[in-house]
């Protein structure tokens, strides 16, 4: 799993289309093994990102949970605290 792909489910406000696209792009980059495809592969790469983003949007929209929605700032603060422990201040 790519470390840059962040959880998108159960946030208030819900994940934006930009966040979904960014996650799809990271996933396709990881699977393809490149951050910038060759000209010959650009169309296939872009199509894969569009399809993964589309499916990801459906997944995030259709998931059901009884947990209260998470706050983005609170989750970001927790991530920063974990990073400080992991990498030092």
N, C-alpha and C. Protein backbone atom coordinates (compact mmCIF):
# COMPACT_ATOMS: atom_id res chain seq x y z
N UNK A 1 0.85 -1.19 0.00
CA UNK A 1 0.00 0.00 0.00
C UNK A 1 0.88 1.23 0.00
N UNK A 2 0.54 2.16 -0.80
CA UNK A 2 1.28 3.40 -0.89
C UNK A 2 0.99 4.26 0.35
N UNK A 3 2.01 4.77 0.98
CA UNK A 3 1.81 5.56 2.19
C UNK A 3 1.07 6.85 1.94
N UNK A 4 1.10 7.35 0.71
CA UNK A 4 0.44 8.62 0.41
C UNK A 4 -1.06 8.48 0.19
N UNK A 5 -1.55 7.26 0.08
CA UNK A 5 -2.99 7.07 -0.06
C UNK A 5 -3.60 7.09 1.33
N UNK A 6 -4.48 8.05 1.54
CA UNK A 6 -5.08 8.24 2.85
C UNK A 6 -6.48 7.65 2.88
N UNK A 7 -6.93 7.21 4.06
CA UNK A 7 -8.32 6.75 4.16
C UNK A 7 -9.28 7.87 3.74
N UNK A 8 -10.32 7.51 3.03
CA UNK A 8 -11.28 8.49 2.54
C UNK A 8 -12.68 8.29 3.11
N UNK A 9 -12.90 7.21 3.81
CA UNK A 9 -14.23 6.87 4.29
C UNK A 9 -14.53 7.50 5.64
N UNK A 10 -15.78 7.88 5.80
CA UNK A 10 -16.34 8.32 7.08
C UNK A 10 -15.72 9.62 7.59
N UNK A 11 -15.62 10.59 6.71
CA UNK A 11 -15.15 11.92 7.10
C UNK A 11 -16.27 12.92 6.90
N UNK A 12 -16.23 13.95 7.69
CA UNK A 12 -17.17 15.05 7.53
C UNK A 12 -16.36 16.32 7.30
N UNK A 13 -16.45 16.98 6.18
CA UNK A 13 -17.27 16.65 5.02
C UNK A 13 -16.70 15.43 4.28
N UNK A 14 -17.52 14.79 3.45
CA UNK A 14 -17.06 13.61 2.71
C UNK A 14 -15.87 13.92 1.81
N UNK A 15 -15.17 12.88 1.41
CA UNK A 15 -14.00 13.03 0.54
C UNK A 15 -14.39 13.76 -0.75
N UNK A 16 -13.55 14.69 -1.13
CA UNK A 16 -13.82 15.46 -2.36
C UNK A 16 -13.38 14.65 -3.58
N UNK A 17 -13.84 15.09 -4.74
CA UNK A 17 -13.41 14.43 -5.97
C UNK A 17 -11.90 14.55 -6.17
N UNK A 18 -11.32 15.67 -5.72
CA UNK A 18 -9.86 15.84 -5.82
C UNK A 18 -9.13 14.82 -4.96
N UNK A 19 -9.63 14.56 -3.77
CA UNK A 19 -9.00 13.56 -2.89
C UNK A 19 -9.11 12.16 -3.49
N UNK A 20 -10.26 11.86 -4.06
CA UNK A 20 -10.47 10.56 -4.69
C UNK A 20 -9.53 10.41 -5.89
N UNK A 21 -9.42 11.45 -6.71
CA UNK A 21 -8.52 11.42 -7.87
C UNK A 21 -7.07 11.25 -7.43
N UNK A 22 -6.66 11.96 -6.38
CA UNK A 22 -5.28 11.86 -5.89
C UNK A 22 -4.97 10.43 -5.42
N UNK A 23 -5.92 9.81 -4.74
CA UNK A 23 -5.72 8.43 -4.29
C UNK A 23 -5.62 7.48 -5.49
N UNK A 24 -6.47 7.69 -6.48
CA UNK A 24 -6.42 6.86 -7.69
C UNK A 24 -5.10 7.03 -8.42
N UNK A 25 -4.64 8.26 -8.52
CA UNK A 25 -3.36 8.53 -9.18
C UNK A 25 -2.21 7.84 -8.45
N UNK A 26 -2.19 7.92 -7.14
CA UNK A 26 -1.13 7.26 -6.37
C UNK A 26 -1.17 5.75 -6.57
N UNK A 27 -2.37 5.19 -6.58
CA UNK A 27 -2.51 3.75 -6.77
C UNK A 27 -1.98 3.33 -8.15
N UNK A 28 -2.38 4.04 -9.19
CA UNK A 28 -1.95 3.69 -10.54
C UNK A 28 -0.44 3.88 -10.68
N UNK A 29 0.11 4.93 -10.09
CA UNK A 29 1.57 5.12 -10.11
C UNK A 29 2.28 3.95 -9.46
N UNK A 30 1.74 3.49 -8.33
CA UNK A 30 2.37 2.38 -7.61
C UNK A 30 2.32 1.10 -8.45
N UNK A 31 1.16 0.81 -9.00
CA UNK A 31 1.00 -0.42 -9.79
C UNK A 31 1.83 -0.36 -11.06
N UNK A 32 1.86 0.81 -11.70
CA UNK A 32 2.60 0.96 -12.95
C UNK A 32 4.11 1.04 -12.71
N UNK A 33 4.50 1.40 -11.51
CA UNK A 33 5.93 1.50 -11.20
C UNK A 33 6.57 2.77 -11.73
N UNK A 34 5.76 3.78 -12.02
CA UNK A 34 6.30 5.04 -12.54
C UNK A 34 5.40 6.19 -12.13
N UNK A 35 5.99 7.36 -11.96
CA UNK A 35 5.19 8.54 -11.66
C UNK A 35 4.82 9.29 -12.93
N UNK A 36 5.59 9.07 -13.97
CA UNK A 36 5.33 9.73 -15.26
C UNK A 36 5.44 8.68 -16.36
N UNK A 37 4.31 8.27 -16.92
CA UNK A 37 4.36 7.25 -17.96
C UNK A 37 4.95 7.81 -19.26
N UNK A 38 5.42 6.92 -20.09
CA UNK A 38 5.93 7.33 -21.40
C UNK A 38 4.76 7.83 -22.24
N UNK A 39 5.08 8.54 -23.30
CA UNK A 39 4.04 9.05 -24.19
C UNK A 39 3.17 7.92 -24.73
N UNK A 40 3.79 6.78 -25.02
CA UNK A 40 3.06 5.63 -25.54
C UNK A 40 2.05 5.09 -24.54
N UNK A 41 2.32 5.27 -23.24
CA UNK A 41 1.43 4.73 -22.20
C UNK A 41 0.54 5.78 -21.54
N UNK A 42 0.68 7.04 -21.93
CA UNK A 42 -0.05 8.11 -21.25
C UNK A 42 -1.57 7.92 -21.29
N UNK A 43 -2.11 7.56 -22.43
CA UNK A 43 -3.57 7.40 -22.55
C UNK A 43 -4.08 6.27 -21.67
N UNK A 44 -3.36 5.15 -21.65
CA UNK A 44 -3.76 4.01 -20.83
C UNK A 44 -3.65 4.37 -19.34
N UNK A 45 -2.59 5.07 -18.99
CA UNK A 45 -2.37 5.52 -17.61
C UNK A 45 -3.52 6.42 -17.17
N UNK A 46 -3.85 7.42 -17.99
CA UNK A 46 -4.93 8.36 -17.66
C UNK A 46 -6.28 7.66 -17.56
N UNK A 47 -6.53 6.72 -18.44
CA UNK A 47 -7.78 5.96 -18.41
C UNK A 47 -7.87 5.15 -17.12
N UNK A 48 -6.77 4.54 -16.72
CA UNK A 48 -6.76 3.77 -15.47
C UNK A 48 -7.06 4.66 -14.28
N UNK A 49 -6.47 5.85 -14.25
CA UNK A 49 -6.74 6.79 -13.14
C UNK A 49 -8.22 7.14 -13.11
N UNK A 50 -8.81 7.45 -14.27
CA UNK A 50 -10.24 7.79 -14.32
C UNK A 50 -11.11 6.65 -13.82
N UNK A 51 -10.81 5.43 -14.26
CA UNK A 51 -11.62 4.28 -13.87
C UNK A 51 -11.48 3.98 -12.37
N UNK A 52 -10.25 4.02 -11.86
CA UNK A 52 -10.04 3.77 -10.43
C UNK A 52 -10.72 4.85 -9.60
N UNK A 53 -10.63 6.11 -10.02
CA UNK A 53 -11.29 7.20 -9.29
C UNK A 53 -12.80 6.99 -9.28
N UNK A 54 -13.35 6.59 -10.41
CA UNK A 54 -14.79 6.34 -10.51
C UNK A 54 -15.22 5.23 -9.54
N UNK A 55 -14.50 4.14 -9.55
CA UNK A 55 -14.83 3.03 -8.66
C UNK A 55 -14.61 3.39 -7.19
N UNK A 56 -13.57 4.16 -6.92
CA UNK A 56 -13.30 4.59 -5.56
C UNK A 56 -14.43 5.48 -5.05
N UNK A 57 -14.90 6.38 -5.89
CA UNK A 57 -16.02 7.25 -5.50
C UNK A 57 -17.24 6.42 -5.14
N UNK A 58 -17.55 5.41 -5.97
CA UNK A 58 -18.68 4.53 -5.66
C UNK A 58 -18.46 3.79 -4.34
N UNK A 59 -17.27 3.29 -4.13
CA UNK A 59 -16.97 2.57 -2.90
C UNK A 59 -17.17 3.46 -1.69
N UNK A 60 -16.56 4.64 -1.70
CA UNK A 60 -16.64 5.54 -0.56
C UNK A 60 -18.09 5.97 -0.32
N UNK A 61 -18.83 6.22 -1.38
CA UNK A 61 -20.22 6.65 -1.24
C UNK A 61 -21.13 5.54 -0.73
N UNK A 62 -20.80 4.29 -1.05
CA UNK A 62 -21.68 3.18 -0.71
C UNK A 62 -21.35 2.49 0.61
N UNK A 63 -20.17 2.75 1.17
CA UNK A 63 -19.82 2.13 2.45
C UNK A 63 -20.74 2.62 3.55
N UNK A 64 -21.09 1.72 4.47
CA UNK A 64 -21.99 2.04 5.57
C UNK A 64 -21.24 1.81 6.87
N UNK A 65 -21.41 2.73 7.82
CA UNK A 65 -20.78 2.57 9.12
C UNK A 65 -21.69 3.18 10.19
N UNK A 66 -21.57 2.66 11.39
CA UNK A 66 -22.32 3.23 12.52
C UNK A 66 -21.44 4.16 13.34
N UNK A 67 -20.16 4.22 13.00
CA UNK A 67 -19.23 5.09 13.72
C UNK A 67 -19.51 6.55 13.36
N UNK A 68 -19.31 7.44 14.31
CA UNK A 68 -19.50 8.86 13.98
C UNK A 68 -18.43 9.31 12.99
N UNK A 69 -18.77 10.28 12.14
CA UNK A 69 -17.79 10.77 11.15
C UNK A 69 -16.56 11.35 11.84
N UNK A 70 -15.41 11.14 11.20
CA UNK A 70 -14.14 11.66 11.74
C UNK A 70 -13.94 13.10 11.26
N UNK A 71 -13.22 13.84 12.08
CA UNK A 71 -12.88 15.22 11.75
C UNK A 71 -11.50 15.23 11.11
N UNK A 72 -11.35 15.88 9.98
CA UNK A 72 -10.08 15.89 9.25
C UNK A 72 -8.94 16.50 10.06
N UNK A 73 -9.22 17.60 10.76
CA UNK A 73 -8.16 18.25 11.54
C UNK A 73 -7.70 17.36 12.69
N UNK A 74 -8.63 16.71 13.36
CA UNK A 74 -8.27 15.81 14.46
C UNK A 74 -7.42 14.66 13.95
N UNK A 75 -7.82 14.09 12.82
CA UNK A 75 -7.05 12.98 12.24
C UNK A 75 -5.67 13.45 11.78
N UNK A 76 -5.58 14.66 11.24
CA UNK A 76 -4.28 15.21 10.82
C UNK A 76 -3.38 15.43 12.04
N UNK A 77 -3.96 15.91 13.13
CA UNK A 77 -3.18 16.09 14.37
C UNK A 77 -2.64 14.75 14.88
N UNK A 78 -3.47 13.71 14.83
CA UNK A 78 -3.02 12.37 15.25
C UNK A 78 -1.88 11.89 14.37
N UNK A 79 -1.98 12.11 13.07
CA UNK A 79 -0.94 11.68 12.14
C UNK A 79 0.37 12.43 12.41
N UNK A 80 0.27 13.72 12.69
CA UNK A 80 1.48 14.49 13.01
C UNK A 80 2.12 13.99 14.30
N UNK A 81 1.31 13.64 15.28
CA UNK A 81 1.84 13.11 16.55
C UNK A 81 2.55 11.78 16.31
N UNK A 82 1.95 10.91 15.48
CA UNK A 82 2.59 9.63 15.16
C UNK A 82 3.92 9.86 14.43
N UNK A 83 3.95 10.85 13.54
CA UNK A 83 5.17 11.16 12.79
C UNK A 83 6.25 11.66 13.73
N UNK A 84 5.89 12.48 14.71
CA UNK A 84 6.88 12.98 15.67
C UNK A 84 7.49 11.82 16.46
N UNK A 85 6.66 10.86 16.84
CA UNK A 85 7.18 9.69 17.57
C UNK A 85 8.07 8.87 16.66
N UNK A 86 7.65 8.67 15.42
CA UNK A 86 8.38 7.84 14.49
C UNK A 86 9.70 8.48 14.06
N UNK A 87 9.66 9.77 13.71
CA UNK A 87 10.83 10.42 13.13
C UNK A 87 11.54 11.39 14.05
N UNK A 88 10.99 11.64 15.21
CA UNK A 88 11.59 12.62 16.13
C UNK A 88 11.09 14.02 15.83
N UNK A 89 11.33 14.90 16.77
CA UNK A 89 10.78 16.27 16.62
C UNK A 89 11.57 17.08 15.72
